[in-house]
Amino acid sequence: MLRTVLIFLFLTFVGFFATAQEKLTWEDFADVNFEAKFNEKYGVHFLMPTFGKKIQSYDGKRISIKGYFLDISGSGDIFLVSQNPMASCFFCGAAGPETIIEVSFKEKPPFRTDQIVTVSGLLELNEDDVDHCNYILTGATGRLVN
């Protein structure tokens, strides 16, 4: 009986740590520098990231972040989580590209723009694809905070 209980507890702890995620803050995502580089495809300069060691340590890991939900397509096709609400987000010129994360949800989320959510997923650092954000969460799930 004691052995069965110990095995159960061991498997529970292993399962917990195998699915554990890091709760990051927007300060963690600020561990990046940007340099303007010319993009041949579009014929303009883009701010291209050089990620710091701290944020690099989370690349490919399951993380969670709290922020403002944004449906920037208006049609439910392109989702972001942002440090700021829509009126003062990166796209309005009020913040830098380190304040937004592109989110690919497992299932279409029920959230509305500017609701505060916590989103979890696998973090991908994007250094060179200007058609996507510098930070991307894949296989994401979310929950409403407010």
C-alpha atoms as a PDB file:
ATOM      1  CA  MET A   1       0.000   0.000   0.000  1.00  0.00           C
ATOM      2  CA  LEU A   2       2.766   2.447   0.970  1.00  0.00           C
ATOM      3  CA  ARG A   3       4.666   1.549  -2.178  1.00  0.00           C
ATOM      4  CA  THR A   4       1.593   2.273  -4.327  1.00  0.00           C
ATOM      5  CA  VAL A   5       1.148   5.661  -2.659  1.00  0.00           C
ATOM      6  CA  LEU A   6       4.824   6.533  -3.157  1.00  0.00           C
ATOM      7  CA  ILE A   7       4.705   5.545  -6.838  1.00  0.00           C
ATOM      8  CA  PHE A   8       1.562   7.643  -7.304  1.00  0.00           C
ATOM      9  CA  LEU A   9       3.185  10.676  -5.647  1.00  0.00           C
ATOM     10  CA  PHE A  10       6.349  10.263  -7.716  1.00  0.00           C
ATOM     11  CA  LEU A  11       4.398  10.086 -10.994  1.00  0.00           C
ATOM     12  CA  THR A  12       2.309  13.102  -9.977  1.00  0.00           C
ATOM     13  CA  PHE A  13       5.430  15.192  -9.330  1.00  0.00           C
ATOM     14  CA  VAL A  14       7.105  14.037 -12.546  1.00  0.00           C
ATOM     15  CA  GLY A  15       3.964  14.936 -14.510  1.00  0.00           C
ATOM     16  CA  PHE A  16       3.802  18.336 -12.849  1.00  0.00           C
ATOM     17  CA  PHE A  17       7.391  19.227 -13.663  1.00  0.00           C
ATOM     18  CA  ALA A  18       7.169  17.835 -17.193  1.00  0.00           C
ATOM     19  CA  THR A  19       4.311  20.230 -17.965  1.00  0.00           C
ATOM     20  CA  ALA A  20       5.546  23.131 -15.865  1.00  0.00           C
ATOM     21  CA  GLN A  21       5.756  26.485 -17.509  1.00  0.00           C
ATOM     22  CA  GLU A  22       7.633  29.649 -16.787  1.00  0.00           C
ATOM     23  CA  LYS A  23       5.596  32.747 -15.986  1.00  0.00           C
ATOM     24  CA  LEU A  24       7.341  35.578 -17.769  1.00  0.00           C
ATOM     25  CA  THR A  25       6.819  39.316 -17.484  1.00  0.00           C
ATOM     26  CA  TRP A  26       7.059  42.012 -20.123  1.00  0.00           C
ATOM     27  CA  GLU A  27      10.389  42.969 -18.608  1.00  0.00           C
ATOM     28  CA  ASP A  28      11.693  39.529 -19.660  1.00  0.00           C
ATOM     29  CA  PHE A  29      10.698  40.253 -23.267  1.00  0.00           C
ATOM     30  CA  ALA A  30      12.594  43.560 -23.169  1.00  0.00           C
ATOM     31  CA  ASP A  31      15.846  41.526 -23.227  1.00  0.00           C
ATOM     32  CA  VAL A  32      16.362  42.372 -26.896  1.00  0.00           C
ATOM     33  CA  ASN A  33      18.095  45.008 -28.997  1.00  0.00           C
ATOM     34  CA  PHE A  34      17.045  46.188 -32.435  1.00  0.00           C
ATOM     35  CA  GLU A  35      19.021  47.336 -35.436  1.00  0.00           C
ATOM     36  CA  ALA A  36      17.583  48.684 -38.684  1.00  0.00           C
ATOM     37  CA  LYS A  37      18.439  46.358 -41.584  1.00  0.00           C
ATOM     38  CA  PHE A  38      17.440  46.597 -45.214  1.00  0.00           C
ATOM     39  CA  ASN A  39      15.001  43.932 -46.400  1.00  0.00           C
ATOM     40  CA  GLU A  40      15.394  43.003 -50.083  1.00  0.00           C
ATOM     41  CA  LYS A  41      11.912  41.457 -50.379  1.00  0.00           C
ATOM     42  CA  TYR A  42      10.076  44.627 -49.329  1.00  0.00           C
ATOM     43  CA  GLY A  43      12.717  47.223 -50.241  1.00  0.00           C
ATOM     44  CA  VAL A  44      12.619  48.938 -46.831  1.00  0.00           C
ATOM     45  CA  HIS A  45      14.447  48.878 -43.512  1.00  0.00           C
ATOM     46  CA  PHE A  46      13.051  46.811 -40.639  1.00  0.00           C
ATOM     47  CA  LEU A  47      14.077  46.735 -36.980  1.00  0.00           C
ATOM     48  CA  MET A  48      15.689  43.306 -36.629  1.00  0.00           C
ATOM     49  CA  PRO A  49      16.163  41.749 -33.185  1.00  0.00           C
ATOM     50  CA  THR A  50      19.201  40.471 -31.365  1.00  0.00           C
ATOM     51  CA  PHE A  51      17.864  38.515 -28.407  1.00  0.00           C
ATOM     52  CA  GLY A  52      19.593  38.616 -25.020  1.00  0.00           C
ATOM     53  CA  LYS A  53      20.748  35.493 -23.199  1.00  0.00           C
ATOM     54  CA  LYS A  54      17.915  35.542 -20.669  1.00  0.00           C
ATOM     55  CA  ILE A  55      15.092  35.506 -23.234  1.00  0.00           C
ATOM     56  CA  GLN A  56      17.046  33.032 -25.396  1.00  0.00           C
ATOM     57  CA  SER A  57      16.944  30.599 -22.464  1.00  0.00           C
ATOM     58  CA  TYR A  58      13.148  30.362 -22.907  1.00  0.00           C
ATOM     59  CA  ASP A  59      13.197  29.656 -26.656  1.00  0.00           C
ATOM     60  CA  GLY A  60      11.288  26.421 -27.325  1.00  0.00           C
ATOM     61  CA  LYS A  61       9.946  26.262 -23.774  1.00  0.00           C
ATOM     62  CA  ARG A  62       6.401  26.500 -22.494  1.00  0.00           C
ATOM     63  CA  ILE A  63       5.811  29.925 -20.994  1.00  0.00           C
ATOM     64  CA  SER A  64       2.880  32.063 -19.907  1.00  0.00           C
ATOM     65  CA  ILE A  65       2.387  35.817 -20.067  1.00  0.00           C
ATOM     66  CA  LYS A  66      -0.380  38.156 -18.951  1.00  0.00           C
ATOM     67  CA  GLY A  67      -1.414  40.970 -21.262  1.00  0.00           C
ATOM     68  CA  TYR A  68      -4.051  42.552 -23.459  1.00  0.00           C
ATOM     69  CA  PHE A  69      -5.670  40.355 -26.082  1.00  0.00           C
ATOM     70  CA  LEU A  70      -5.672  41.873 -29.580  1.00  0.00           C
ATOM     71  CA  ASP A  71      -7.434  40.586 -32.679  1.00  0.00           C
ATOM     72  CA  ILE A  72      -5.555  42.740 -35.168  1.00  0.00           C
ATOM     73  CA  SER A  73      -7.183  41.205 -38.229  1.00  0.00           C
ATOM     74  CA  GLY A  74     -10.683  42.061 -37.047  1.00  0.00           C
ATOM     75  CA  SER A  75     -11.806  38.730 -38.477  1.00  0.00           C
ATOM     76  CA  GLY A  76     -10.364  36.355 -35.903  1.00  0.00           C
ATOM     77  CA  ASP A  77      -7.353  35.325 -37.977  1.00  0.00           C
ATOM     78  CA  ILE A  78      -4.386  37.115 -36.362  1.00  0.00           C
ATOM     79  CA  PHE A  79      -4.058  37.307 -32.597  1.00  0.00           C
ATOM     80  CA  LEU A  80      -1.566  39.050 -30.348  1.00  0.00           C
ATOM     81  CA  VAL A  81      -1.061  39.507 -26.659  1.00  0.00           C
ATOM     82  CA  SER A  82       0.277  42.948 -25.855  1.00  0.00           C
ATOM     83  CA  GLN A  83       1.792  44.773 -22.924  1.00  0.00           C
ATOM     84  CA  ASN A  84      -0.554  47.657 -23.767  1.00  0.00           C
ATOM     85  CA  PRO A  85      -4.179  48.007 -24.895  1.00  0.00           C
ATOM     86  CA  MET A  86      -4.946  48.540 -28.590  1.00  0.00           C
ATOM     87  CA  ALA A  87      -4.982  52.356 -28.339  1.00  0.00           C
ATOM     88  CA  SER A  88      -1.359  52.434 -27.169  1.00  0.00           C
ATOM     89  CA  CYS A  89       0.127  49.271 -28.651  1.00  0.00           C
ATOM     90  CA  PHE A  90       3.103  48.794 -30.954  1.00  0.00           C
ATOM     91  CA  PHE A  91       1.033  49.261 -34.118  1.00  0.00           C
ATOM     92  CA  CYS A  92      -0.105  52.723 -32.972  1.00  0.00           C
ATOM     93  CA  GLY A  93       3.513  53.825 -32.522  1.00  0.00           C
ATOM     94  CA  ALA A  94       3.274  53.985 -28.739  1.00  0.00           C
ATOM     95  CA  ALA A  95       5.552  51.029 -27.946  1.00  0.00           C
ATOM     96  CA  GLY A  96       8.313  48.832 -29.340  1.00  0.00           C
ATOM     97  CA  PRO A  97       8.103  45.429 -31.042  1.00  0.00           C
ATOM     98  CA  GLU A  98       9.165  43.762 -27.777  1.00  0.00           C
ATOM     99  CA  THR A  99       5.722  44.606 -26.318  1.00  0.00           C
ATOM    100  CA  ILE A 100       3.734  42.234 -28.557  1.00  0.00           C
ATOM    101  CA  ILE A 101       3.634  38.469 -28.990  1.00  0.00           C
ATOM    102  CA  GLU A 102       1.989  36.716 -31.929  1.00  0.00           C
ATOM    103  CA  VAL A 103      -0.233  33.892 -30.689  1.00  0.00           C
ATOM    104  CA  SER A 104      -1.218  30.736 -32.541  1.00  0.00           C
ATOM    105  CA  PHE A 105      -4.001  29.199 -30.447  1.00  0.00           C
ATOM    106  CA  LYS A 106      -4.891  25.500 -30.434  1.00  0.00           C
ATOM    107  CA  GLU A 107      -8.531  26.578 -30.787  1.00  0.00           C
ATOM    108  CA  LYS A 108     -10.018  29.931 -31.769  1.00  0.00           C
ATOM    109  CA  PRO A 109     -10.245  31.952 -28.539  1.00  0.00           C
ATOM    110  CA  PRO A 110     -13.462  33.568 -27.296  1.00  0.00           C
ATOM    111  CA  PHE A 111     -11.705  36.761 -26.151  1.00  0.00           C
ATOM    112  CA  ARG A 112     -12.380  40.310 -27.300  1.00  0.00           C
ATOM    113  CA  THR A 113      -9.808  43.006 -27.995  1.00  0.00           C
ATOM    114  CA  ASP A 114      -8.428  44.695 -24.873  1.00  0.00           C
ATOM    115  CA  GLN A 115      -9.540  41.980 -22.474  1.00  0.00           C
ATOM    116  CA  ILE A 116      -6.752  41.010 -20.090  1.00  0.00           C
ATOM    117  CA  VAL A 117      -5.738  37.381 -20.546  1.00  0.00           C
ATOM    118  CA  THR A 118      -3.037  34.959 -19.526  1.00  0.00           C
ATOM    119  CA  VAL A 119      -1.730  33.037 -22.525  1.00  0.00           C
ATOM    120  CA  SER A 120       0.459  29.919 -22.414  1.00  0.00           C
ATOM    121  CA  GLY A 121       2.323  28.211 -25.227  1.00  0.00           C
ATOM    122  CA  LEU A 122       5.697  27.299 -26.689  1.00  0.00           C
ATOM    123  CA  LEU A 123       7.856  30.357 -27.208  1.00  0.00           C
ATOM    124  CA  GLU A 124       9.580  30.833 -30.550  1.00  0.00           C
ATOM    125  CA  LEU A 125      12.101  33.616 -31.098  1.00  0.00           C
ATOM    126  CA  ASN A 126      11.848  35.005 -34.624  1.00  0.00           C
ATOM    127  CA  GLU A 127      15.011  36.756 -35.785  1.00  0.00           C
ATOM    128  CA  ASP A 128      14.439  37.134 -39.499  1.00  0.00           C
ATOM    129  CA  ASP A 129      10.881  36.582 -40.785  1.00  0.00           C
ATOM    130  CA  VAL A 130       9.443  40.112 -41.075  1.00  0.00           C
ATOM    131  CA  ASP A 131       6.003  38.683 -41.870  1.00  0.00           C
ATOM    132  CA  HIS A 132       5.678  37.589 -38.221  1.00  0.00           C
ATOM    133  CA  CYS A 133       6.334  39.104 -34.808  1.00  0.00           C
ATOM    134  CA  ASN A 134       9.672  38.677 -33.065  1.00  0.00           C
ATOM    135  CA  TYR A 135       7.994  36.622 -30.345  1.00  0.00           C
ATOM    136  CA  ILE A 136       5.540  33.850 -31.224  1.00  0.00           C
ATOM    137  CA  LEU A 137       3.574  31.480 -28.962  1.00  0.00           C
ATOM    138  CA  THR A 138       2.474  28.265 -30.663  1.00  0.00           C
ATOM    139  CA  GLY A 139       0.023  25.634 -29.465  1.00  0.00           C
ATOM    140  CA  ALA A 140      -1.345  28.292 -27.155  1.00  0.00           C
ATOM    141  CA  THR A 141      -4.205  28.291 -24.701  1.00  0.00           C
ATOM    142  CA  GLY A 142      -5.552  31.237 -22.776  1.00  0.00           C
ATOM    143  CA  ARG A 143      -7.773  32.245 -19.948  1.00  0.00           C
ATOM    144  CA  LEU A 144      -9.585  35.467 -19.214  1.00  0.00           C
ATOM    145  CA  VAL A 145      -8.242  37.502 -16.291  1.00  0.00           C
ATOM    146  CA  ASN A 146     -10.895  40.253 -16.297  1.00  0.00           C
END
